[in-house]
Amino acid sequence: MTWSKRVLETNRGTFEFFEKGEGPPLAVTHLYSEFNESGDYFADSLIENHHVYLINLRECGGSEKASAPHQLTMLETVLDLESIRNALGFDRWKFAGHSTGGMIGILYGIYFSDSLTKLLLANTAAREYMTFSKDCIYNEGHPEFVRMQDLMATLKRGDLTDRERESYTIERTKLSLFRPQDYHMTFNKNINKKLSAKRLDFFSRELHTFDVTKKLSLIKAPTLIIAGKHDVQCPLLYSQELNEAIPHSTCIVFEQSNHYPHLEEVGKFSKVIARDFD
């Protein structure tokens, strides 16, 4: 079953989203992913207990374009999410974000906790995560740093065939799996989302100054933090920082996961969501 597409007018412009599932309203997004009716693995893991709104941010899919660069900042993105919540008529809703989606969630909790019944932050960080951790694959001290950089550079080339691009993409993703040999069993759905190059380029610059660790105590919404013990993108340290600083938080570590606990330990993830994010 595909996701249902909707277009919504808000006081900050027009936004496209996709909805699916039954239960309380839950917003899900990612900083530079372009979603469509095929859905998203992280969002799919939450539809059993929620009515999920999978949101295309500004410059993604059929959503509003940015008329000025500042509209692509994470803070402006949170303001856009608030306009969507208001236009849908919800006094409050839940928010869930994985990776860079979790960074948006952190800012949402800092500035608009009163709009949130609960907050889910998965495999994410409240500050730039590359410079000071050799456990991060984007740090020069990580053993797979060179290979990851080579793959990213290769994927930017315009002369790749579709088959070559798919092969390099799979190899890159395997670097973020606890069991890379299980790639095809892990990513087994016909999900074909894209990414917004404009948002990704902006994030690559914004990330270098991103640090809201001193504001984490302002998050008042009950917060569930999920972390893969072997995460090479946002290492476990950063989830532990979140748990120490956010007042009403719980951190669940997935012992046999890298960057994708919702796919690498599906059964445990479902139980945690049902128990701690109901």
C-alpha atoms as a PDB file:
ATOM      1  CA  MET A   1       0.000   0.000   0.000  1.00  0.00           C
ATOM      2  CA  THR A   2       1.451   3.357  -1.027  1.00  0.00           C
ATOM      3  CA  TRP A   3       1.380   6.567   0.955  1.00  0.00           C
ATOM      4  CA  SER A   4      -1.371   9.108   0.231  1.00  0.00           C
ATOM      5  CA  LYS A   5      -0.170  12.427  -1.146  1.00  0.00           C
ATOM      6  CA  ARG A   6      -1.513  15.770   0.084  1.00  0.00           C
ATOM      7  CA  VAL A   7      -0.665  19.403  -0.584  1.00  0.00           C
ATOM      8  CA  LEU A   8      -1.308  21.920   2.181  1.00  0.00           C
ATOM      9  CA  GLU A   9      -1.489  25.712   2.162  1.00  0.00           C
ATOM     10  CA  THR A  10       0.072  27.353   5.229  1.00  0.00           C
ATOM     11  CA  ASN A  11       0.945  30.891   6.256  1.00  0.00           C
ATOM     12  CA  ARG A  12       4.528  30.143   5.178  1.00  0.00           C
ATOM     13  CA  GLY A  13       3.716  28.664   1.790  1.00  0.00           C
ATOM     14  CA  THR A  14       2.612  25.377   0.226  1.00  0.00           C
ATOM     15  CA  PHE A  15       3.953  22.066   1.498  1.00  0.00           C
ATOM     16  CA  GLU A  16       3.658  18.537   0.181  1.00  0.00           C
ATOM     17  CA  PHE A  17       3.415  15.554   2.491  1.00  0.00           C
ATOM     18  CA  PHE A  18       2.436  11.888   2.457  1.00  0.00           C
ATOM     19  CA  GLU A  19       0.324  10.199   5.108  1.00  0.00           C
ATOM     20  CA  LYS A  20      -0.279   6.662   6.286  1.00  0.00           C
ATOM     21  CA  GLY A  21      -1.133   4.717   9.434  1.00  0.00           C
ATOM     22  CA  GLU A  22      -3.613   4.865  12.300  1.00  0.00           C
ATOM     23  CA  GLY A  23      -3.227   6.553  15.664  1.00  0.00           C
ATOM     24  CA  PRO A  24      -2.106   9.904  17.081  1.00  0.00           C
ATOM     25  CA  PRO A  25      -0.536  12.386  14.646  1.00  0.00           C
ATOM     26  CA  LEU A  26       3.201  12.080  14.138  1.00  0.00           C
ATOM     27  CA  ALA A  27       5.360  14.302  11.927  1.00  0.00           C
ATOM     28  CA  VAL A  28       8.424  12.753  10.277  1.00  0.00           C
ATOM     29  CA  THR A  29      10.942  14.423   8.006  1.00  0.00           C
ATOM     30  CA  HIS A  30      14.611  14.500   7.027  1.00  0.00           C
ATOM     31  CA  LEU A  31      16.742  17.539   6.310  1.00  0.00           C
ATOM     32  CA  TYR A  32      17.379  16.861   2.605  1.00  0.00           C
ATOM     33  CA  SER A  33      15.317  13.820   1.527  1.00  0.00           C
ATOM     34  CA  GLU A  34      12.629  14.141  -1.159  1.00  0.00           C
ATOM     35  CA  PHE A  35       9.788  11.774  -0.320  1.00  0.00           C
ATOM     36  CA  ASN A  36       7.079  10.347  -2.576  1.00  0.00           C
ATOM     37  CA  GLU A  37       4.258   7.781  -2.479  1.00  0.00           C
ATOM     38  CA  SER A  38       6.768   4.945  -2.005  1.00  0.00           C
ATOM     39  CA  GLY A  39       7.408   6.177   1.546  1.00  0.00           C
ATOM     40  CA  ASP A  40      10.487   5.925   3.746  1.00  0.00           C
ATOM     41  CA  TYR A  41      11.977   3.109   5.832  1.00  0.00           C
ATOM     42  CA  PHE A  42      12.069   5.086   9.088  1.00  0.00           C
ATOM     43  CA  ALA A  43       8.546   6.436   8.645  1.00  0.00           C
ATOM     44  CA  ASP A  44       7.276   2.954   7.716  1.00  0.00           C
ATOM     45  CA  SER A  45       8.544   1.665  11.053  1.00  0.00           C
ATOM     46  CA  LEU A  46       6.155   4.032  12.886  1.00  0.00           C
ATOM     47  CA  ILE A  47       2.827   3.598  11.055  1.00  0.00           C
ATOM     48  CA  GLU A  48       1.595   0.694  13.171  1.00  0.00           C
ATOM     49  CA  ASN A  49       0.959   3.001  16.135  1.00  0.00           C
ATOM     50  CA  HIS A  50       0.624   6.432  14.495  1.00  0.00           C
ATOM     51  CA  HIS A  51      -0.927   8.425  11.691  1.00  0.00           C
ATOM     52  CA  VAL A  52       2.327   9.562  10.137  1.00  0.00           C
ATOM     53  CA  TYR A  53       2.780  12.784   8.176  1.00  0.00           C
ATOM     54  CA  LEU A  54       5.904  12.354   6.037  1.00  0.00           C
ATOM     55  CA  ILE A  55       6.816  15.917   5.114  1.00  0.00           C
ATOM     56  CA  ASN A  56       8.757  17.279   2.156  1.00  0.00           C
ATOM     57  CA  LEU A  57      10.606  20.340   3.393  1.00  0.00           C
ATOM     58  CA  ARG A  58      11.160  23.525   1.433  1.00  0.00           C
ATOM     59  CA  GLU A  59      12.933  22.783  -1.894  1.00  0.00           C
ATOM     60  CA  CYS A  60      11.934  19.098  -1.691  1.00  0.00           C
ATOM     61  CA  GLY A  61       9.406  17.519  -4.044  1.00  0.00           C
ATOM     62  CA  GLY A  62       6.304  19.656  -4.510  1.00  0.00           C
ATOM     63  CA  SER A  63       6.896  21.855  -1.459  1.00  0.00           C
ATOM     64  CA  GLU A  64       7.584  25.578  -1.415  1.00  0.00           C
ATOM     65  CA  LYS A  65      10.859  26.838  -2.868  1.00  0.00           C
ATOM     66  CA  ALA A  66      13.307  28.977  -0.915  1.00  0.00           C
ATOM     67  CA  SER A  67      13.249  32.639  -1.900  1.00  0.00           C
ATOM     68  CA  ALA A  68      16.293  33.389   0.277  1.00  0.00           C
ATOM     69  CA  PRO A  69      19.153  31.183   1.582  1.00  0.00           C
ATOM     70  CA  HIS A  70      18.217  31.608   5.243  1.00  0.00           C
ATOM     71  CA  GLN A  71      14.975  29.723   4.611  1.00  0.00           C
ATOM     72  CA  LEU A  72      17.025  26.516   4.369  1.00  0.00           C
ATOM     73  CA  THR A  73      18.377  26.773   7.926  1.00  0.00           C
ATOM     74  CA  MET A  74      17.268  24.222  10.479  1.00  0.00           C
ATOM     75  CA  LEU A  75      15.546  26.876  12.588  1.00  0.00           C
ATOM     76  CA  GLU A  76      13.503  28.131   9.613  1.00  0.00           C
ATOM     77  CA  THR A  77      12.638  24.506   8.904  1.00  0.00           C
ATOM     78  CA  VAL A  78      11.163  24.166  12.384  1.00  0.00           C
ATOM     79  CA  LEU A  79       9.069  27.289  11.762  1.00  0.00           C
ATOM     80  CA  ASP A  80       7.800  25.660   8.567  1.00  0.00           C
ATOM     81  CA  LEU A  81       6.828  22.540  10.534  1.00  0.00           C
ATOM     82  CA  GLU A  82       4.927  24.689  13.002  1.00  0.00           C
ATOM     83  CA  SER A  83       3.000  26.305  10.150  1.00  0.00           C
ATOM     84  CA  ILE A  84       2.071  22.829   8.874  1.00  0.00           C
ATOM     85  CA  ARG A  85       0.890  21.723  12.324  1.00  0.00           C
ATOM     86  CA  ASN A  86      -1.264  24.818  12.655  1.00  0.00           C
ATOM     87  CA  ALA A  87      -2.734  24.418   9.156  1.00  0.00           C
ATOM     88  CA  LEU A  88      -3.643  20.801   9.933  1.00  0.00           C
ATOM     89  CA  GLY A  89      -5.451  21.993  13.053  1.00  0.00           C
ATOM     90  CA  PHE A  90      -3.449  20.085  15.672  1.00  0.00           C
ATOM     91  CA  ASP A  91      -2.832  21.676  19.068  1.00  0.00           C
ATOM     92  CA  ARG A  92       0.070  19.275  19.524  1.00  0.00           C
ATOM     93  CA  TRP A  93       1.599  16.303  17.764  1.00  0.00           C
ATOM     94  CA  LYS A  94       4.580  13.993  18.025  1.00  0.00           C
ATOM     95  CA  PHE A  95       7.766  14.410  16.028  1.00  0.00           C
ATOM     96  CA  ALA A  96      10.253  11.723  15.019  1.00  0.00           C
ATOM     97  CA  GLY A  97      13.542  12.248  13.217  1.00  0.00           C
ATOM     98  CA  HIS A  98      16.371   9.959  12.203  1.00  0.00           C
ATOM     99  CA  SER A  99      19.909  11.281  11.582  1.00  0.00           C
ATOM    100  CA  THR A 100      19.606  14.862  10.240  1.00  0.00           C
ATOM    101  CA  GLY A 101      15.864  14.564  10.819  1.00  0.00           C
ATOM    102  CA  GLY A 102      16.750  14.171  14.479  1.00  0.00           C
ATOM    103  CA  MET A 103      18.682  17.447  14.407  1.00  0.00           C
ATOM    104  CA  ILE A 104      15.478  19.151  13.304  1.00  0.00           C
ATOM    105  CA  GLY A 105      13.699  17.366  16.144  1.00  0.00           C
ATOM    106  CA  ILE A 106      16.212  18.680  18.667  1.00  0.00           C
ATOM    107  CA  LEU A 107      15.573  22.269  17.563  1.00  0.00           C
ATOM    108  CA  TYR A 108      11.824  21.614  17.518  1.00  0.00           C
ATOM    109  CA  GLY A 109      12.012  20.474  21.132  1.00  0.00           C
ATOM    110  CA  ILE A 110      14.159  23.431  22.171  1.00  0.00           C
ATOM    111  CA  TYR A 111      11.918  26.106  20.680  1.00  0.00           C
ATOM    112  CA  PHE A 112       8.446  24.523  20.533  1.00  0.00           C
ATOM    113  CA  SER A 113       8.169  21.854  23.220  1.00  0.00           C
ATOM    114  CA  ASP A 114       4.625  23.038  23.919  1.00  0.00           C
ATOM    115  CA  SER A 115       3.676  21.849  20.411  1.00  0.00           C
ATOM    116  CA  LEU A 116       4.937  18.322  21.062  1.00  0.00           C
ATOM    117  CA  THR A 117       3.365  15.488  23.029  1.00  0.00           C
ATOM    118  CA  LYS A 118       6.506  13.371  22.536  1.00  0.00           C
ATOM    119  CA  LEU A 119       9.799  13.514  20.670  1.00  0.00           C
ATOM    120  CA  LEU A 120      11.791  10.682  19.067  1.00  0.00           C
ATOM    121  CA  LEU A 121      15.455  11.310  18.240  1.00  0.00           C
ATOM    122  CA  ALA A 122      17.177   8.436  16.436  1.00  0.00           C
ATOM    123  CA  ASN A 123      20.890   8.217  15.597  1.00  0.00           C
ATOM    124  CA  THR A 124      21.464  11.940  15.781  1.00  0.00           C
ATOM    125  CA  ALA A 125      23.493  14.675  17.491  1.00  0.00           C
ATOM    126  CA  ALA A 126      23.115  18.137  18.990  1.00  0.00           C
ATOM    127  CA  ARG A 127      26.435  19.331  17.567  1.00  0.00           C
ATOM    128  CA  GLU A 128      28.764  18.797  14.639  1.00  0.00           C
ATOM    129  CA  TYR A 129      29.822  15.171  14.915  1.00  0.00           C
ATOM    130  CA  MET A 130      32.826  14.802  12.588  1.00  0.00           C
ATOM    131  CA  THR A 131      35.716  16.846  13.977  1.00  0.00           C
ATOM    132  CA  PHE A 132      36.122  15.393  17.454  1.00  0.00           C
ATOM    133  CA  SER A 133      35.213  11.726  17.087  1.00  0.00           C
ATOM    134  CA  LYS A 134      37.378   9.164  15.318  1.00  0.00           C
ATOM    135  CA  ASP A 135      34.426   6.790  15.602  1.00  0.00           C
ATOM    136  CA  CYS A 136      32.725   8.908  12.932  1.00  0.00           C
ATOM    137  CA  ILE A 137      33.317   7.743   9.378  1.00  0.00           C
ATOM    138  CA  TYR A 138      33.621  11.387   8.251  1.00  0.00           C
ATOM    139  CA  ASN A 139      36.609  11.918  10.566  1.00  0.00           C
ATOM    140  CA  GLU A 140      40.050  11.477   8.997  1.00  0.00           C
ATOM    141  CA  GLY A 141      41.021   9.119  11.803  1.00  0.00           C
ATOM    142  CA  HIS A 142      38.323   6.570  10.952  1.00  0.00           C
ATOM    143  CA  PRO A 143      39.637   3.504   9.079  1.00  0.00           C
ATOM    144  CA  GLU A 144      36.933   3.798   6.395  1.00  0.00           C
ATOM    145  CA  PHE A 145      37.253   7.574   5.928  1.00  0.00           C
ATOM    146  CA  VAL A 146      39.103   7.418   2.610  1.00  0.00           C
ATOM    147  CA  ARG A 147      36.749   4.850   1.126  1.00  0.00           C
ATOM    148  CA  MET A 148      33.687   6.855   2.137  1.00  0.00           C
ATOM    149  CA  GLN A 149      35.149  10.032   0.631  1.00  0.00           C
ATOM    150  CA  ASP A 150      35.967   8.186  -2.585  1.00  0.00           C
ATOM    151  CA  LEU A 151      32.427   6.824  -2.835  1.00  0.00           C
ATOM    152  CA  MET A 152      30.850  10.227  -2.203  1.00  0.00           C
ATOM    153  CA  ALA A 153      33.055  11.838  -4.857  1.00  0.00           C
ATOM    154  CA  THR A 154      32.263   9.081  -7.342  1.00  0.00           C
ATOM    155  CA  LEU A 155      28.520   9.432  -6.788  1.00  0.00           C
ATOM    156  CA  LYS A 156      28.710  13.117  -7.722  1.00  0.00           C
ATOM    157  CA  ARG A 157      29.904  12.210 -11.223  1.00  0.00           C
ATOM    158  CA  GLY A 158      27.486  12.689 -14.071  1.00  0.00           C
ATOM    159  CA  ASP A 159      28.832   9.916 -16.275  1.00  0.00           C
ATOM    160  CA  LEU A 160      27.734   6.936 -14.180  1.00  0.00           C
ATOM    161  CA  THR A 161      25.268   4.430 -15.561  1.00  0.00           C
ATOM    162  CA  ASP A 162      22.205   3.655 -13.415  1.00  0.00           C
ATOM    163  CA  ARG A 163      23.700   0.276 -12.549  1.00  0.00           C
ATOM    164  CA  GLU A 164      27.027   1.815 -11.534  1.00  0.00           C
ATOM    165  CA  ARG A 165      25.302   4.446  -9.409  1.00  0.00           C
ATOM    166  CA  GLU A 166      23.233   1.788  -7.663  1.00  0.00           C
ATOM    167  CA  SER A 167      26.325  -0.322  -6.991  1.00  0.00           C
ATOM    168  CA  TYR A 168      28.288   2.561  -5.455  1.00  0.00           C
ATOM    169  CA  THR A 169      25.264   3.650  -3.408  1.00  0.00           C
ATOM    170  CA  ILE A 170      24.886   0.162  -1.978  1.00  0.00           C
ATOM    171  CA  GLU A 171      28.583   0.018  -1.090  1.00  0.00           C
ATOM    172  CA  ARG A 172      28.318   3.375   0.676  1.00  0.00           C
ATOM    173  CA  THR A 173      25.261   2.262   2.655  1.00  0.00           C
ATOM    174  CA  LYS A 174      26.948  -0.997   3.683  1.00  0.00           C
ATOM    175  CA  LEU A 175      29.560   1.057   5.545  1.00  0.00           C
ATOM    176  CA  SER A 176      26.763   2.112   7.919  1.00  0.00           C
ATOM    177  CA  LEU A 177      25.401  -1.382   8.610  1.00  0.00           C
ATOM    178  CA  PHE A 178      26.370  -3.664  11.497  1.00  0.00           C
ATOM    179  CA  ARG A 179      25.985  -6.634   9.145  1.00  0.00           C
ATOM    180  CA  PRO A 180      26.780  -5.294   5.665  1.00  0.00           C
ATOM    181  CA  GLN A 181      26.321  -8.772   4.201  1.00  0.00           C
ATOM    182  CA  ASP A 182      22.602  -8.464   5.024  1.00  0.00           C
ATOM    183  CA  TYR A 183      22.111  -5.342   2.897  1.00  0.00           C
ATOM    184  CA  HIS A 184      19.575  -6.863   0.479  1.00  0.00           C
ATOM    185  CA  MET A 185      17.500  -8.352   3.314  1.00  0.00           C
ATOM    186  CA  THR A 186      17.615  -5.055   5.197  1.00  0.00           C
ATOM    187  CA  PHE A 187      16.673  -2.732   2.332  1.00  0.00           C
ATOM    188  CA  ASN A 188      14.008  -4.923   0.762  1.00  0.00           C
ATOM    189  CA  LYS A 189      11.224  -2.479  -0.148  1.00  0.00           C
ATOM    190  CA  ASN A 190      10.589  -0.575  -3.354  1.00  0.00           C
ATOM    191  CA  ILE A 191      11.345   2.817  -1.825  1.00  0.00           C
ATOM    192  CA  ASN A 192      12.834   5.266  -4.296  1.00  0.00           C
ATOM    193  CA  LYS A 193      13.186   8.601  -2.544  1.00  0.00           C
ATOM    194  CA  LYS A 194      15.646  11.199  -3.827  1.00  0.00           C
ATOM    195  CA  LEU A 195      17.585  14.015  -2.198  1.00  0.00           C
ATOM    196  CA  SER A 196      17.590  17.775  -2.610  1.00  0.00           C
ATOM    197  CA  ALA A 197      21.082  18.834  -3.717  1.00  0.00           C
ATOM    198  CA  LYS A 198      20.346  22.423  -2.685  1.00  0.00           C
ATOM    199  CA  ARG A 199      19.393  21.445   0.867  1.00  0.00           C
ATOM    200  CA  LEU A 200      22.305  19.005   1.163  1.00  0.00           C
ATOM    201  CA  ASP A 201      24.813  21.644   0.035  1.00  0.00           C
ATOM    202  CA  PHE A 202      23.393  24.140   2.529  1.00  0.00           C
ATOM    203  CA  PHE A 203      23.493  21.584   5.358  1.00  0.00           C
ATOM    204  CA  SER A 204      27.136  20.769   4.563  1.00  0.00           C
ATOM    205  CA  ARG A 205      27.981  24.376   5.428  1.00  0.00           C
ATOM    206  CA  GLU A 206      25.538  24.859   8.324  1.00  0.00           C
ATOM    207  CA  LEU A 207      26.762  21.701  10.057  1.00  0.00           C
ATOM    208  CA  HIS A 208      30.187  23.204  10.776  1.00  0.00           C
ATOM    209  CA  THR A 209      28.663  25.752  13.185  1.00  0.00           C
ATOM    210  CA  PHE A 210      25.886  23.549  14.572  1.00  0.00           C
ATOM    211  CA  ASP A 211      26.012  23.185  18.365  1.00  0.00           C
ATOM    212  CA  VAL A 212      22.900  23.481  20.561  1.00  0.00           C
ATOM    213  CA  THR A 213      24.159  21.335  23.447  1.00  0.00           C
ATOM    214  CA  LYS A 214      23.785  24.159  25.978  1.00  0.00           C
ATOM    215  CA  LYS A 215      20.101  24.528  25.091  1.00  0.00           C
ATOM    216  CA  LEU A 216      19.111  20.878  25.438  1.00  0.00           C
ATOM    217  CA  SER A 217      17.758  21.471  28.954  1.00  0.00           C
ATOM    218  CA  LEU A 218      15.020  23.612  27.348  1.00  0.00           C
ATOM    219  CA  ILE A 219      13.414  20.515  25.811  1.00  0.00           C
ATOM    220  CA  LYS A 220      10.373  19.791  27.976  1.00  0.00           C
ATOM    221  CA  ALA A 221       8.647  17.183  25.808  1.00  0.00           C
ATOM    222  CA  PRO A 222       9.163  13.546  26.882  1.00  0.00           C
ATOM    223  CA  THR A 223      11.974  12.350  24.621  1.00  0.00           C
ATOM    224  CA  LEU A 224      12.922   8.879  23.436  1.00  0.00           C
ATOM    225  CA  ILE A 225      16.504   8.615  22.171  1.00  0.00           C
ATOM    226  CA  ILE A 226      17.466   5.630  20.029  1.00  0.00           C
ATOM    227  CA  ALA A 227      21.092   4.835  19.227  1.00  0.00           C
ATOM    228  CA  GLY A 228      22.986   2.154  17.363  1.00  0.00           C
ATOM    229  CA  LYS A 229      25.968   1.043  19.449  1.00  0.00           C
ATOM    230  CA  HIS A 230      28.145   0.847  16.324  1.00  0.00           C
ATOM    231  CA  ASP A 231      26.855   3.971  14.529  1.00  0.00           C
ATOM    232  CA  VAL A 232      29.617   5.334  12.278  1.00  0.00           C
ATOM    233  CA  GLN A 233      27.704   8.435  11.197  1.00  0.00           C
ATOM    234  CA  CYS A 234      26.475   9.867  14.511  1.00  0.00           C
ATOM    235  CA  PRO A 235      28.472   7.831  17.069  1.00  0.00           C
ATOM    236  CA  LEU A 236      26.907   6.637  20.315  1.00  0.00           C
ATOM    237  CA  LEU A 237      28.626   9.405  22.317  1.00  0.00           C
ATOM    238  CA  TYR A 238      26.281  12.006  20.851  1.00  0.00           C
ATOM    239  CA  SER A 239      23.123  10.127  21.840  1.00  0.00           C
ATOM    240  CA  GLN A 240      24.519   9.765  25.355  1.00  0.00           C
ATOM    241  CA  GLU A 241      25.062  13.532  25.450  1.00  0.00           C
ATOM    242  CA  LEU A 242      21.423  14.058  24.515  1.00  0.00           C
ATOM    243  CA  ASN A 243      20.222  11.735  27.247  1.00  0.00           C
ATOM    244  CA  GLU A 244      22.358  13.429  29.891  1.00  0.00           C
ATOM    245  CA  ALA A 245      21.132  16.922  29.021  1.00  0.00           C
ATOM    246  CA  ILE A 246      17.442  16.504  28.093  1.00  0.00           C
ATOM    247  CA  PRO A 247      15.389  16.456  31.327  1.00  0.00           C
ATOM    248  CA  HIS A 248      12.663  13.907  30.500  1.00  0.00           C
ATOM    249  CA  SER A 249      14.560  11.530  28.230  1.00  0.00           C
ATOM    250  CA  THR A 250      15.155   7.814  27.861  1.00  0.00           C
ATOM    251  CA  CYS A 251      17.994   6.382  25.769  1.00  0.00           C
ATOM    252  CA  ILE A 252      17.791   2.890  24.290  1.00  0.00           C
ATOM    253  CA  VAL A 253      20.997   1.481  22.811  1.00  0.00           C
ATOM    254  CA  PHE A 254      20.670  -1.146  20.079  1.00  0.00           C
ATOM    255  CA  GLU A 255      23.615  -3.476  20.582  1.00  0.00           C
ATOM    256  CA  GLN A 256      23.588  -5.001  17.081  1.00  0.00           C
ATOM    257  CA  SER A 257      22.931  -1.863  15.047  1.00  0.00           C
ATOM    258  CA  ASN A 258      24.941   0.734  13.208  1.00  0.00           C
ATOM    259  CA  HIS A 259      23.051   3.726  11.757  1.00  0.00           C
ATOM    260  CA  TYR A 260      19.713   1.974  11.110  1.00  0.00           C
ATOM    261  CA  PRO A 261      18.282   0.325  14.281  1.00  0.00           C
ATOM    262  CA  HIS A 262      14.759   0.478  12.810  1.00  0.00           C
ATOM    263  CA  LEU A 263      15.976  -1.891  10.068  1.00  0.00           C
ATOM    264  CA  GLU A 264      18.790  -3.800  11.744  1.00  0.00           C
ATOM    265  CA  GLU A 265      16.819  -4.807  14.869  1.00  0.00           C
ATOM    266  CA  VAL A 266      13.226  -4.553  13.679  1.00  0.00           C
ATOM    267  CA  GLY A 267      11.637  -6.579  16.472  1.00  0.00           C
ATOM    268  CA  LYS A 268      13.334  -4.687  19.268  1.00  0.00           C
ATOM    269  CA  PHE A 269      12.603  -1.353  17.596  1.00  0.00           C
ATOM    270  CA  SER A 270       8.872  -2.144  17.339  1.00  0.00           C
ATOM    271  CA  LYS A 271       8.712  -3.145  20.999  1.00  0.00           C
ATOM    272  CA  VAL A 272      10.529   0.018  22.106  1.00  0.00           C
ATOM    273  CA  ILE A 273       8.190   2.235  20.083  1.00  0.00           C
ATOM    274  CA  ALA A 274       5.096   0.502  21.476  1.00  0.00           C
ATOM    275  CA  ARG A 275       6.407   0.713  25.045  1.00  0.00           C
ATOM    276  CA  ASP A 276       8.183   4.090  25.183  1.00  0.00           C
ATOM    277  CA  PHE A 277       6.649   6.179  22.394  1.00  0.00           C
ATOM    278  CA  ASP A 278       2.947   5.333  22.764  1.00  0.00           C
END
